[in-house]
């Protein structure tokens, strides 16, 4: 057993809570999101175990934090301490957090085989052709956007640039957050437009 500290943080999304550990959980820059227990099976024992709580609806794991989304029928006041202690003990006993990084293809397959009433995993589109501007866009996102998004318990992945439109994938607390559209349009879109006149619009693949 190793000494571990985990503290909880509210996020801009009222449905999610961020649990921050003083220990690295994933390699730098990596993140993974699961929308049901079936999707987590064989990839993240921790996420799989968290879905055993009836109020957990989504699990996002990043470098040193876990963002948990809950159902609407229970307030955070009743469950935050329980979740925080569960996560702390899991890490302290050095149980597996992630044993394999799921591919998007696997996630799509799991959608078809899982309960149709369960939340569906967002699959990453593969139709974007490489663009000469990709590296510059990624650099801007890495420098100005990723730290703030991670601070809010989420992550942003660049998917592609086509016909003036930048498509990103929002994960963690950013996915489904009431303020994410404003952040996307008011913050990220304006930033990219200022630096790159070729960018006309920024859209989120998952809404």
N, C-alpha and C. Protein backbone atom coordinates (compact mmCIF):
# COMPACT_ATOMS: atom_id res chain seq x y z
N UNK A 1 0.85 -1.20 0.00
CA UNK A 1 0.00 0.00 0.00
C UNK A 1 0.88 1.24 0.00
N UNK A 2 0.54 2.20 -0.87
CA UNK A 2 1.33 3.42 -0.95
C UNK A 2 0.49 4.62 -0.48
N UNK A 3 1.15 5.64 0.10
CA UNK A 3 0.39 6.82 0.54
C UNK A 3 -0.12 7.62 -0.65
N UNK A 4 -1.42 7.88 -0.69
CA UNK A 4 -2.02 8.61 -1.80
C UNK A 4 -3.01 9.63 -1.26
N UNK A 5 -3.00 10.80 -1.86
CA UNK A 5 -3.99 11.82 -1.53
C UNK A 5 -4.89 12.04 -2.74
N UNK A 6 -6.19 12.06 -2.51
CA UNK A 6 -7.15 12.36 -3.58
C UNK A 6 -8.08 13.45 -3.06
N UNK A 7 -8.24 14.52 -3.83
CA UNK A 7 -9.20 15.54 -3.44
C UNK A 7 -10.20 15.76 -4.58
N UNK A 8 -11.37 16.23 -4.21
CA UNK A 8 -12.43 16.43 -5.21
C UNK A 8 -12.55 17.90 -5.56
N UNK A 9 -12.95 18.14 -6.80
CA UNK A 9 -13.11 19.51 -7.31
C UNK A 9 -14.37 19.58 -8.14
N UNK A 10 -15.18 20.60 -7.90
CA UNK A 10 -16.33 20.83 -8.78
C UNK A 10 -15.81 21.25 -10.15
N UNK A 11 -16.61 20.98 -11.18
CA UNK A 11 -16.26 21.39 -12.54
C UNK A 11 -17.38 22.30 -13.06
N UNK A 12 -17.17 22.96 -14.20
CA UNK A 12 -18.25 23.79 -14.77
C UNK A 12 -19.50 22.98 -15.13
N UNK A 13 -19.33 21.67 -15.27
CA UNK A 13 -20.46 20.80 -15.58
C UNK A 13 -21.05 20.27 -14.27
N UNK A 14 -22.27 20.65 -13.91
CA UNK A 14 -22.84 20.23 -12.62
C UNK A 14 -23.02 18.73 -12.48
N UNK A 15 -22.96 18.00 -13.59
CA UNK A 15 -23.13 16.54 -13.54
C UNK A 15 -21.83 15.80 -13.29
N UNK A 16 -20.70 16.51 -13.28
CA UNK A 16 -19.42 15.84 -13.12
C UNK A 16 -18.63 16.37 -11.93
N UNK A 17 -17.80 15.51 -11.38
CA UNK A 17 -16.89 15.88 -10.30
C UNK A 17 -15.50 15.36 -10.67
N UNK A 18 -14.50 16.17 -10.38
CA UNK A 18 -13.11 15.83 -10.71
C UNK A 18 -12.41 15.34 -9.44
N UNK A 19 -11.78 14.18 -9.52
CA UNK A 19 -11.04 13.62 -8.39
C UNK A 19 -9.55 13.61 -8.76
N UNK A 20 -8.79 14.43 -8.07
CA UNK A 20 -7.38 14.64 -8.42
C UNK A 20 -6.48 13.86 -7.47
N UNK A 21 -5.54 13.09 -8.03
CA UNK A 21 -4.60 12.30 -7.23
C UNK A 21 -3.21 12.91 -7.28
N UNK A 22 -2.43 12.69 -6.23
CA UNK A 22 -1.04 13.17 -6.23
C UNK A 22 -0.12 12.09 -6.81
N UNK A 23 -0.63 11.41 -7.82
CA UNK A 23 0.11 10.31 -8.45
C UNK A 23 -0.32 10.22 -9.92
N UNK A 24 0.63 9.93 -10.78
CA UNK A 24 0.28 9.79 -12.19
C UNK A 24 -0.49 8.50 -12.43
N UNK A 25 -1.60 8.61 -13.16
CA UNK A 25 -2.44 7.46 -13.46
C UNK A 25 -2.23 6.97 -14.88
N UNK A 26 -1.99 7.92 -15.80
CA UNK A 26 -1.77 7.61 -17.21
C UNK A 26 -0.54 8.37 -17.70
N UNK A 27 0.03 7.96 -18.82
CA UNK A 27 1.16 8.71 -19.39
C UNK A 27 0.74 10.14 -19.74
N UNK A 28 1.69 11.05 -19.73
CA UNK A 28 1.41 12.46 -20.04
C UNK A 28 0.70 12.59 -21.38
N UNK A 29 -0.38 13.36 -21.38
CA UNK A 29 -1.12 13.61 -22.61
C UNK A 29 -2.19 12.59 -22.92
N UNK A 30 -2.20 11.47 -22.21
CA UNK A 30 -3.18 10.42 -22.49
C UNK A 30 -4.47 10.66 -21.72
N UNK A 31 -5.58 10.24 -22.29
CA UNK A 31 -6.86 10.29 -21.60
C UNK A 31 -7.79 9.27 -22.26
N UNK A 32 -8.75 8.80 -21.48
CA UNK A 32 -9.68 7.80 -22.00
C UNK A 32 -11.03 7.99 -21.32
N UNK A 33 -12.08 7.74 -22.06
CA UNK A 33 -13.43 7.94 -21.53
C UNK A 33 -14.29 6.70 -21.79
N UNK A 34 -15.07 6.34 -20.78
CA UNK A 34 -15.98 5.20 -20.89
C UNK A 34 -17.39 5.64 -20.53
N UNK A 35 -18.35 5.22 -21.34
CA UNK A 35 -19.73 5.64 -21.11
C UNK A 35 -20.61 4.55 -20.53
N UNK A 36 -20.07 3.35 -20.34
CA UNK A 36 -20.80 2.29 -19.66
C UNK A 36 -19.82 1.20 -19.26
N UNK A 37 -20.30 0.27 -18.43
CA UNK A 37 -19.43 -0.78 -17.91
C UNK A 37 -18.91 -1.69 -19.02
N UNK A 38 -19.77 -1.97 -20.00
CA UNK A 38 -19.37 -2.85 -21.11
C UNK A 38 -18.18 -2.26 -21.87
N UNK A 39 -18.17 -0.93 -22.05
CA UNK A 39 -17.08 -0.28 -22.77
C UNK A 39 -15.77 -0.35 -21.98
N UNK A 40 -15.88 -0.35 -20.64
CA UNK A 40 -14.68 -0.36 -19.79
C UNK A 40 -14.10 -1.75 -19.62
N UNK A 41 -14.91 -2.77 -19.84
CA UNK A 41 -14.49 -4.16 -19.59
C UNK A 41 -13.29 -4.54 -20.45
N UNK A 42 -12.25 -5.03 -19.78
CA UNK A 42 -11.05 -5.44 -20.49
C UNK A 42 -10.06 -4.31 -20.73
N UNK A 43 -10.46 -3.08 -20.38
CA UNK A 43 -9.58 -1.92 -20.58
C UNK A 43 -9.23 -1.23 -19.27
N UNK A 44 -10.25 -0.92 -18.47
CA UNK A 44 -9.99 -0.21 -17.22
C UNK A 44 -10.73 -0.87 -16.06
N UNK A 45 -10.02 -1.66 -15.25
CA UNK A 45 -10.66 -2.25 -14.07
C UNK A 45 -11.23 -1.20 -13.12
N UNK A 46 -10.57 -0.04 -13.01
CA UNK A 46 -11.07 1.02 -12.14
C UNK A 46 -12.40 1.56 -12.65
N UNK A 47 -12.47 1.87 -13.95
CA UNK A 47 -13.72 2.39 -14.51
C UNK A 47 -14.83 1.35 -14.37
N UNK A 48 -14.47 0.11 -14.61
CA UNK A 48 -15.46 -0.98 -14.51
C UNK A 48 -16.04 -1.03 -13.08
N UNK A 49 -15.15 -0.89 -12.10
CA UNK A 49 -15.59 -0.94 -10.70
C UNK A 49 -16.43 0.29 -10.35
N UNK A 50 -16.08 1.44 -10.89
CA UNK A 50 -16.85 2.66 -10.61
C UNK A 50 -18.28 2.54 -11.15
N UNK A 51 -18.44 1.85 -12.26
CA UNK A 51 -19.79 1.69 -12.82
C UNK A 51 -20.67 0.78 -11.96
N UNK A 52 -20.07 0.10 -10.98
CA UNK A 52 -20.88 -0.68 -10.04
C UNK A 52 -21.68 0.22 -9.10
N UNK A 53 -21.24 1.47 -8.96
CA UNK A 53 -22.05 2.44 -8.22
C UNK A 53 -23.25 2.79 -9.10
N UNK A 54 -24.46 2.68 -8.61
CA UNK A 54 -25.64 2.88 -9.46
C UNK A 54 -25.80 4.30 -9.99
N UNK A 55 -25.11 5.25 -9.36
CA UNK A 55 -25.26 6.66 -9.76
C UNK A 55 -24.17 7.12 -10.72
N UNK A 56 -23.21 6.26 -11.07
CA UNK A 56 -22.13 6.65 -11.99
C UNK A 56 -22.59 6.42 -13.43
N UNK A 57 -22.52 7.48 -14.25
CA UNK A 57 -23.00 7.37 -15.63
C UNK A 57 -21.88 7.45 -16.67
N UNK A 58 -20.70 7.97 -16.27
CA UNK A 58 -19.59 8.08 -17.21
C UNK A 58 -18.30 8.24 -16.42
N UNK A 59 -17.20 7.70 -16.94
CA UNK A 59 -15.90 7.80 -16.27
C UNK A 59 -14.86 8.27 -17.28
N UNK A 60 -14.14 9.32 -16.92
CA UNK A 60 -13.06 9.87 -17.75
C UNK A 60 -11.78 9.84 -16.93
N UNK A 61 -10.71 9.26 -17.49
CA UNK A 61 -9.44 9.15 -16.77
C UNK A 61 -8.36 9.90 -17.55
N UNK A 62 -7.64 10.76 -16.86
CA UNK A 62 -6.55 11.53 -17.48
C UNK A 62 -5.26 11.29 -16.69
N UNK A 63 -4.28 12.12 -16.92
CA UNK A 63 -2.94 11.89 -16.38
C UNK A 63 -2.94 11.73 -14.86
N UNK A 64 -3.58 12.66 -14.16
CA UNK A 64 -3.56 12.57 -12.69
C UNK A 64 -4.94 12.83 -12.07
N UNK A 65 -5.99 12.69 -12.87
CA UNK A 65 -7.32 12.87 -12.29
C UNK A 65 -8.34 11.98 -13.00
N UNK A 66 -9.46 11.79 -12.29
CA UNK A 66 -10.59 11.03 -12.81
C UNK A 66 -11.81 11.91 -12.70
N UNK A 67 -12.54 12.07 -13.80
CA UNK A 67 -13.79 12.82 -13.77
C UNK A 67 -14.94 11.82 -13.85
N UNK A 68 -15.82 11.91 -12.87
CA UNK A 68 -16.96 11.01 -12.80
C UNK A 68 -18.24 11.80 -13.07
N UNK A 69 -19.07 11.28 -13.99
CA UNK A 69 -20.38 11.88 -14.24
C UNK A 69 -21.42 11.05 -13.50
N UNK A 70 -22.40 11.74 -12.91
CA UNK A 70 -23.41 11.03 -12.13
C UNK A 70 -24.79 11.19 -12.76
N UNK A 71 -25.71 10.34 -12.31
CA UNK A 71 -27.11 10.48 -12.71
C UNK A 71 -27.72 11.63 -11.93
N UNK A 72 -28.88 12.10 -12.37
CA UNK A 72 -29.48 13.30 -11.76
C UNK A 72 -30.23 13.02 -10.46
N UNK A 73 -30.41 11.74 -10.11
CA UNK A 73 -31.29 11.44 -8.98
C UNK A 73 -30.61 11.47 -7.62
N UNK A 74 -29.31 11.80 -7.59
CA UNK A 74 -28.61 11.85 -6.30
C UNK A 74 -27.65 13.05 -6.30
N UNK A 75 -27.66 13.86 -5.22
CA UNK A 75 -26.77 15.03 -5.17
C UNK A 75 -25.34 14.64 -4.82
N UNK A 76 -24.40 15.47 -5.23
CA UNK A 76 -22.98 15.21 -4.96
C UNK A 76 -22.70 15.12 -3.46
N UNK A 77 -23.42 15.89 -2.67
CA UNK A 77 -23.18 15.90 -1.22
C UNK A 77 -23.22 14.50 -0.61
N UNK A 78 -24.04 13.63 -1.18
CA UNK A 78 -24.23 12.30 -0.62
C UNK A 78 -23.20 11.28 -1.10
N UNK A 79 -22.52 11.56 -2.18
CA UNK A 79 -21.68 10.53 -2.80
C UNK A 79 -20.22 10.91 -2.99
N UNK A 80 -19.87 12.19 -2.87
CA UNK A 80 -18.50 12.63 -3.16
C UNK A 80 -17.48 11.94 -2.26
N UNK A 81 -17.74 11.90 -0.97
CA UNK A 81 -16.78 11.32 -0.04
C UNK A 81 -16.59 9.82 -0.32
N UNK A 82 -17.68 9.14 -0.61
CA UNK A 82 -17.61 7.70 -0.90
C UNK A 82 -16.78 7.44 -2.15
N UNK A 83 -17.00 8.21 -3.19
CA UNK A 83 -16.24 8.04 -4.43
C UNK A 83 -14.77 8.39 -4.22
N UNK A 84 -14.52 9.47 -3.51
CA UNK A 84 -13.14 9.90 -3.28
C UNK A 84 -12.36 8.83 -2.53
N UNK A 85 -12.96 8.25 -1.50
CA UNK A 85 -12.29 7.22 -0.72
C UNK A 85 -12.10 5.94 -1.54
N UNK A 86 -13.09 5.61 -2.35
CA UNK A 86 -12.98 4.42 -3.20
C UNK A 86 -11.80 4.57 -4.17
N UNK A 87 -11.71 5.73 -4.82
CA UNK A 87 -10.62 5.98 -5.77
C UNK A 87 -9.27 6.00 -5.06
N UNK A 88 -9.23 6.64 -3.89
CA UNK A 88 -7.97 6.73 -3.14
C UNK A 88 -7.48 5.32 -2.77
N UNK A 89 -8.37 4.48 -2.25
CA UNK A 89 -7.96 3.12 -1.86
C UNK A 89 -7.52 2.30 -3.07
N UNK A 90 -8.21 2.48 -4.19
CA UNK A 90 -7.85 1.74 -5.40
C UNK A 90 -6.42 2.05 -5.82
N UNK A 91 -6.09 3.33 -5.80
CA UNK A 91 -4.73 3.75 -6.19
C UNK A 91 -3.73 3.33 -5.12
N UNK A 92 -4.09 3.49 -3.85
CA UNK A 92 -3.18 3.16 -2.74
C UNK A 92 -2.79 1.69 -2.75
N UNK A 93 -3.73 0.81 -3.11
CA UNK A 93 -3.43 -0.62 -3.16
C UNK A 93 -2.84 -1.03 -4.51
N UNK A 94 -2.54 -0.01 -5.33
CA UNK A 94 -1.87 -0.20 -6.62
C UNK A 94 -2.61 -1.18 -7.54
N UNK A 95 -3.93 -1.08 -7.52
CA UNK A 95 -4.74 -1.87 -8.45
C UNK A 95 -4.64 -1.24 -9.84
N UNK A 96 -4.96 -2.01 -10.86
CA UNK A 96 -4.84 -1.54 -12.24
C UNK A 96 -5.84 -0.43 -12.54
N UNK A 97 -5.35 0.67 -13.07
CA UNK A 97 -6.23 1.76 -13.51
C UNK A 97 -6.62 1.54 -14.97
N UNK A 98 -5.61 1.28 -15.81
CA UNK A 98 -5.85 1.02 -17.23
C UNK A 98 -4.91 -0.08 -17.68
N UNK A 99 -5.48 -1.14 -18.28
CA UNK A 99 -4.63 -2.24 -18.75
C UNK A 99 -4.44 -2.21 -20.26
N UNK A 100 -5.31 -1.48 -20.95
CA UNK A 100 -5.17 -1.32 -22.40
C UNK A 100 -5.93 -0.08 -22.82
N UNK A 101 -5.39 0.62 -23.82
CA UNK A 101 -6.07 1.80 -24.35
C UNK A 101 -7.04 1.35 -25.43
N UNK A 102 -8.34 1.59 -25.24
CA UNK A 102 -9.30 1.11 -26.25
C UNK A 102 -9.14 1.86 -27.56
N UNK A 103 -9.27 1.13 -28.65
CA UNK A 103 -9.29 1.77 -29.95
C UNK A 103 -10.72 2.21 -30.24
N UNK A 104 -10.88 3.19 -31.12
CA UNK A 104 -12.22 3.66 -31.44
C UNK A 104 -13.03 2.56 -32.12
N UNK A 105 -12.36 1.68 -32.86
CA UNK A 105 -13.06 0.60 -33.54
C UNK A 105 -13.69 -0.33 -32.50
N UNK A 106 -12.92 -0.63 -31.45
CA UNK A 106 -13.47 -1.46 -30.39
C UNK A 106 -14.69 -0.82 -29.75
N UNK A 107 -14.61 0.48 -29.57
CA UNK A 107 -15.72 1.17 -28.92
C UNK A 107 -16.97 1.10 -29.78
N UNK A 108 -16.79 1.22 -31.09
CA UNK A 108 -17.96 1.12 -31.98
C UNK A 108 -18.57 -0.27 -31.91
N UNK A 109 -17.70 -1.29 -31.88
CA UNK A 109 -18.20 -2.66 -31.80
C UNK A 109 -18.97 -2.89 -30.52
N UNK A 110 -18.47 -2.32 -29.43
CA UNK A 110 -19.13 -2.53 -28.15
C UNK A 110 -20.50 -1.86 -28.12
N UNK A 111 -20.64 -0.77 -28.83
CA UNK A 111 -21.94 -0.10 -28.88
C UNK A 111 -23.00 -1.05 -29.42
N UNK A 112 -22.65 -1.79 -30.47
CA UNK A 112 -23.63 -2.65 -31.11
C UNK A 112 -23.97 -3.86 -30.24
N UNK A 113 -23.00 -4.29 -29.43
CA UNK A 113 -23.22 -5.50 -28.65
C UNK A 113 -23.78 -5.21 -27.26
N UNK A 114 -23.68 -3.95 -26.81
CA UNK A 114 -24.14 -3.64 -25.46
C UNK A 114 -25.64 -3.36 -25.44
N UNK A 115 -26.13 -3.17 -24.26
CA UNK A 115 -27.55 -2.88 -24.07
C UNK A 115 -27.93 -1.62 -24.85
N UNK A 116 -28.91 -1.68 -25.74
CA UNK A 116 -29.26 -0.50 -26.54
C UNK A 116 -29.75 0.67 -25.71
N UNK A 117 -30.19 0.40 -24.47
CA UNK A 117 -30.66 1.50 -23.62
C UNK A 117 -29.52 2.17 -22.87
N UNK A 118 -28.32 1.55 -22.94
CA UNK A 118 -27.17 2.11 -22.23
C UNK A 118 -26.63 3.32 -22.98
N UNK A 119 -25.94 4.24 -22.26
CA UNK A 119 -25.36 5.39 -22.95
C UNK A 119 -24.39 4.93 -24.02
N UNK A 120 -24.40 5.59 -25.15
CA UNK A 120 -23.55 5.16 -26.27
C UNK A 120 -22.21 5.87 -26.24
N UNK A 121 -21.17 5.11 -26.55
CA UNK A 121 -19.82 5.67 -26.63
C UNK A 121 -19.66 6.45 -27.93
N UNK A 122 -19.06 7.60 -27.84
CA UNK A 122 -18.84 8.38 -29.04
C UNK A 122 -17.65 7.82 -29.81
N UNK A 123 -17.85 7.48 -31.05
CA UNK A 123 -16.78 6.93 -31.86
C UNK A 123 -16.07 8.06 -32.62
N UNK A 124 -14.78 7.91 -32.76
CA UNK A 124 -13.99 8.93 -33.45
C UNK A 124 -14.10 8.72 -34.96
N UNK A 125 -14.45 9.76 -35.70
CA UNK A 125 -14.53 9.60 -37.14
C UNK A 125 -13.13 9.43 -37.72
N UNK A 126 -13.02 8.70 -38.80
CA UNK A 126 -11.70 8.46 -39.39
C UNK A 126 -11.64 9.03 -40.81
N UNK A 127 -12.58 9.91 -41.14
CA UNK A 127 -12.70 10.36 -42.52
C UNK A 127 -11.89 11.63 -42.81
N UNK A 128 -11.20 12.18 -41.81
CA UNK A 128 -10.46 13.42 -42.05
C UNK A 128 -9.12 13.15 -42.71
N UNK A 129 -8.90 13.80 -43.84
CA UNK A 129 -7.60 13.69 -44.50
C UNK A 129 -6.62 14.64 -43.81
N UNK A 130 -5.34 14.29 -43.77
CA UNK A 130 -4.34 15.19 -43.18
C UNK A 130 -4.34 16.55 -43.88
N UNK A 131 -4.13 17.59 -43.10
CA UNK A 131 -4.11 18.95 -43.64
C UNK A 131 -2.77 19.59 -43.29
N UNK A 132 -2.28 20.51 -44.13
CA UNK A 132 -1.01 21.20 -43.83
C UNK A 132 -1.10 22.04 -42.57
N UNK A 133 -2.32 22.35 -42.13
CA UNK A 133 -2.49 23.21 -40.95
C UNK A 133 -2.63 22.41 -39.66
N UNK A 134 -2.69 21.08 -39.75
CA UNK A 134 -2.95 20.25 -38.57
C UNK A 134 -1.98 20.54 -37.42
N UNK A 135 -0.69 20.56 -37.73
CA UNK A 135 0.32 20.73 -36.68
C UNK A 135 0.18 22.09 -35.99
N UNK A 136 -0.09 23.13 -36.77
CA UNK A 136 -0.23 24.47 -36.20
C UNK A 136 -1.46 24.55 -35.30
N UNK A 137 -2.54 23.92 -35.71
CA UNK A 137 -3.76 23.91 -34.90
C UNK A 137 -3.52 23.15 -33.60
N UNK A 138 -2.87 21.99 -33.70
CA UNK A 138 -2.58 21.18 -32.51
C UNK A 138 -1.69 21.95 -31.55
N UNK A 139 -0.69 22.67 -32.08
CA UNK A 139 0.21 23.46 -31.23
C UNK A 139 -0.56 24.53 -30.45
N UNK A 140 -1.49 25.20 -31.12
CA UNK A 140 -2.30 26.23 -30.45
C UNK A 140 -3.19 25.62 -29.37
N UNK A 141 -3.80 24.49 -29.68
CA UNK A 141 -4.64 23.81 -28.70
C UNK A 141 -3.81 23.37 -27.49
N UNK A 142 -2.63 22.81 -27.76
CA UNK A 142 -1.76 22.34 -26.68
C UNK A 142 -1.33 23.49 -25.76
N UNK A 143 -1.02 24.63 -26.38
CA UNK A 143 -0.47 25.75 -25.62
C UNK A 143 -1.54 26.51 -24.84
N UNK A 144 -2.68 26.76 -25.48
CA UNK A 144 -3.66 27.67 -24.88
C UNK A 144 -4.93 26.99 -24.34
N UNK A 145 -5.27 25.85 -24.89
CA UNK A 145 -6.59 25.28 -24.57
C UNK A 145 -6.51 24.09 -23.63
N UNK A 146 -5.61 23.16 -23.91
CA UNK A 146 -5.57 21.92 -23.11
C UNK A 146 -5.41 22.15 -21.61
N UNK A 147 -4.49 23.04 -21.17
CA UNK A 147 -4.34 23.22 -19.72
C UNK A 147 -5.63 23.68 -19.04
N UNK A 148 -6.34 24.61 -19.68
CA UNK A 148 -7.59 25.12 -19.09
C UNK A 148 -8.67 24.04 -19.07
N UNK A 149 -8.75 23.28 -20.15
CA UNK A 149 -9.76 22.21 -20.23
C UNK A 149 -9.47 21.13 -19.19
N UNK A 150 -8.19 20.77 -19.03
CA UNK A 150 -7.82 19.77 -18.02
C UNK A 150 -8.14 20.28 -16.62
N UNK A 151 -7.93 21.57 -16.42
CA UNK A 151 -8.23 22.18 -15.12
C UNK A 151 -9.71 22.03 -14.77
N UNK A 152 -10.54 22.00 -15.80
CA UNK A 152 -11.99 21.85 -15.60
C UNK A 152 -12.44 20.38 -15.59
N UNK A 153 -11.47 19.47 -15.64
CA UNK A 153 -11.81 18.05 -15.56
C UNK A 153 -12.12 17.38 -16.88
N UNK A 154 -11.63 17.97 -17.96
CA UNK A 154 -11.93 17.40 -19.28
C UNK A 154 -10.71 17.31 -20.16
N UNK A 155 -10.96 17.07 -21.43
CA UNK A 155 -9.89 17.01 -22.43
C UNK A 155 -10.47 17.37 -23.78
N UNK A 156 -9.60 17.82 -24.67
CA UNK A 156 -10.01 18.15 -26.03
C UNK A 156 -9.06 17.46 -27.00
N UNK A 157 -9.60 16.74 -27.96
CA UNK A 157 -8.79 16.08 -28.98
C UNK A 157 -9.08 16.70 -30.34
N UNK A 158 -8.02 17.01 -31.08
CA UNK A 158 -8.17 17.52 -32.44
C UNK A 158 -8.45 16.35 -33.36
N UNK A 159 -9.52 16.44 -34.15
CA UNK A 159 -9.87 15.36 -35.07
C UNK A 159 -9.50 15.66 -36.51
N UNK A 160 -9.71 16.92 -36.95
CA UNK A 160 -9.37 17.22 -38.33
C UNK A 160 -9.75 18.64 -38.74
N UNK A 161 -9.18 19.07 -39.89
CA UNK A 161 -9.48 20.39 -40.45
C UNK A 161 -9.88 20.20 -41.90
N UNK A 162 -11.04 20.76 -42.24
CA UNK A 162 -11.56 20.56 -43.59
C UNK A 162 -12.45 21.75 -43.96
N UNK A 163 -12.19 22.36 -45.11
CA UNK A 163 -13.03 23.46 -45.62
C UNK A 163 -13.25 24.56 -44.58
N UNK A 164 -12.18 24.93 -43.88
CA UNK A 164 -12.27 26.02 -42.92
C UNK A 164 -12.83 25.62 -41.56
N UNK A 165 -13.19 24.37 -41.41
CA UNK A 165 -13.82 23.91 -40.16
C UNK A 165 -12.88 22.99 -39.38
N UNK A 166 -12.66 23.34 -38.11
CA UNK A 166 -11.89 22.51 -37.19
C UNK A 166 -12.87 21.66 -36.38
N UNK A 167 -12.67 20.35 -36.39
CA UNK A 167 -13.53 19.46 -35.61
C UNK A 167 -12.73 18.89 -34.44
N UNK A 168 -13.31 19.01 -33.24
CA UNK A 168 -12.65 18.51 -32.03
C UNK A 168 -13.58 17.54 -31.32
N UNK A 169 -12.99 16.74 -30.45
CA UNK A 169 -13.76 15.83 -29.61
C UNK A 169 -13.59 16.27 -28.17
N UNK A 170 -14.71 16.56 -27.50
CA UNK A 170 -14.68 16.98 -26.09
C UNK A 170 -14.92 15.77 -25.21
N UNK A 171 -14.10 15.64 -24.15
CA UNK A 171 -14.23 14.49 -23.26
C UNK A 171 -14.29 14.96 -21.81
N UNK A 172 -14.65 14.04 -20.93
CA UNK A 172 -14.71 14.36 -19.52
C UNK A 172 -15.82 15.34 -19.21
N UNK A 173 -15.54 16.30 -18.34
CA UNK A 173 -16.58 17.25 -17.92
C UNK A 173 -17.03 18.16 -19.06
N UNK A 174 -16.20 18.27 -20.11
CA UNK A 174 -16.55 19.15 -21.24
C UNK A 174 -17.65 18.56 -22.11
N UNK A 175 -17.76 17.24 -22.09
CA UNK A 175 -18.76 16.58 -22.91
C UNK A 175 -20.13 16.73 -22.26
N UNK A 176 -21.03 17.40 -22.96
CA UNK A 176 -22.37 17.60 -22.43
C UNK A 176 -22.48 18.71 -21.41
N UNK A 177 -21.42 19.46 -21.21
CA UNK A 177 -21.47 20.56 -20.26
C UNK A 177 -22.28 21.72 -20.83
N UNK A 178 -23.15 22.33 -20.02
CA UNK A 178 -23.95 23.45 -20.52
C UNK A 178 -23.11 24.61 -21.05
N UNK A 179 -21.91 24.80 -20.48
CA UNK A 179 -21.08 25.93 -20.90
C UNK A 179 -20.08 25.57 -22.00
N UNK A 180 -20.08 24.31 -22.43
CA UNK A 180 -19.05 23.90 -23.40
C UNK A 180 -19.23 24.57 -24.75
N UNK A 181 -20.47 24.82 -25.17
CA UNK A 181 -20.70 25.48 -26.45
C UNK A 181 -20.15 26.89 -26.44
N UNK A 182 -20.37 27.60 -25.33
CA UNK A 182 -19.84 28.96 -25.20
C UNK A 182 -18.32 28.94 -25.21
N UNK A 183 -17.73 27.97 -24.53
CA UNK A 183 -16.26 27.84 -24.51
C UNK A 183 -15.74 27.56 -25.91
N UNK A 184 -16.43 26.68 -26.61
CA UNK A 184 -16.02 26.28 -27.95
C UNK A 184 -16.05 27.46 -28.90
N UNK A 185 -17.18 28.17 -28.91
CA UNK A 185 -17.35 29.28 -29.86
C UNK A 185 -16.65 30.55 -29.39
N UNK A 186 -16.85 30.89 -28.12
CA UNK A 186 -16.31 32.15 -27.61
C UNK A 186 -14.83 32.11 -27.34
N UNK A 187 -14.33 30.92 -26.96
CA UNK A 187 -12.92 30.83 -26.61
C UNK A 187 -12.06 30.21 -27.69
N UNK A 188 -12.29 28.93 -27.95
CA UNK A 188 -11.42 28.18 -28.85
C UNK A 188 -11.53 28.69 -30.29
N UNK A 189 -12.75 28.92 -30.75
CA UNK A 189 -12.93 29.38 -32.13
C UNK A 189 -12.28 30.75 -32.34
N UNK A 190 -12.49 31.67 -31.41
CA UNK A 190 -11.88 33.00 -31.54
C UNK A 190 -10.36 32.93 -31.51
N UNK A 191 -9.82 32.08 -30.64
CA UNK A 191 -8.37 31.93 -30.53
C UNK A 191 -7.78 31.46 -31.86
N UNK A 192 -8.37 30.40 -32.43
CA UNK A 192 -7.83 29.86 -33.68
C UNK A 192 -7.99 30.84 -34.83
N UNK A 193 -9.13 31.54 -34.87
CA UNK A 193 -9.35 32.52 -35.94
C UNK A 193 -8.31 33.64 -35.89
N UNK A 194 -7.98 34.08 -34.68
CA UNK A 194 -7.00 35.17 -34.52
C UNK A 194 -5.63 34.77 -35.04
N UNK A 195 -5.25 33.53 -34.80
CA UNK A 195 -3.92 33.06 -35.21
C UNK A 195 -3.89 32.52 -36.63
N UNK A 196 -5.05 32.04 -37.09
CA UNK A 196 -5.08 31.37 -38.40
C UNK A 196 -6.32 31.80 -39.17
N UNK A 197 -6.16 32.73 -40.12
CA UNK A 197 -7.32 33.22 -40.87
C UNK A 197 -8.03 32.13 -41.69
N UNK A 198 -7.33 31.01 -41.91
CA UNK A 198 -7.96 29.92 -42.67
C UNK A 198 -9.10 29.26 -41.88
N UNK A 199 -9.05 29.39 -40.56
CA UNK A 199 -10.08 28.76 -39.71
C UNK A 199 -11.33 29.63 -39.69
N UNK A 200 -12.45 29.06 -40.09
CA UNK A 200 -13.73 29.79 -40.12
C UNK A 200 -14.65 29.37 -38.98
N UNK A 201 -14.50 28.13 -38.50
CA UNK A 201 -15.44 27.60 -37.52
C UNK A 201 -14.80 26.45 -36.73
N UNK A 202 -15.20 26.30 -35.48
CA UNK A 202 -14.79 25.15 -34.67
C UNK A 202 -16.05 24.44 -34.19
N UNK A 203 -16.12 23.14 -34.42
CA UNK A 203 -17.29 22.37 -34.01
C UNK A 203 -16.85 21.16 -33.19
N UNK A 204 -17.74 20.70 -32.31
CA UNK A 204 -17.47 19.51 -31.51
C UNK A 204 -18.12 18.31 -32.17
N UNK A 205 -17.37 17.25 -32.33
CA UNK A 205 -17.90 16.05 -32.96
C UNK A 205 -19.04 15.45 -32.15
N UNK A 206 -18.93 15.55 -30.81
CA UNK A 206 -19.96 14.96 -29.96
C UNK A 206 -20.95 16.01 -29.45
N UNK A 207 -21.27 16.94 -30.27
CA UNK A 207 -22.32 17.88 -29.91
C UNK A 207 -21.83 19.26 -29.58
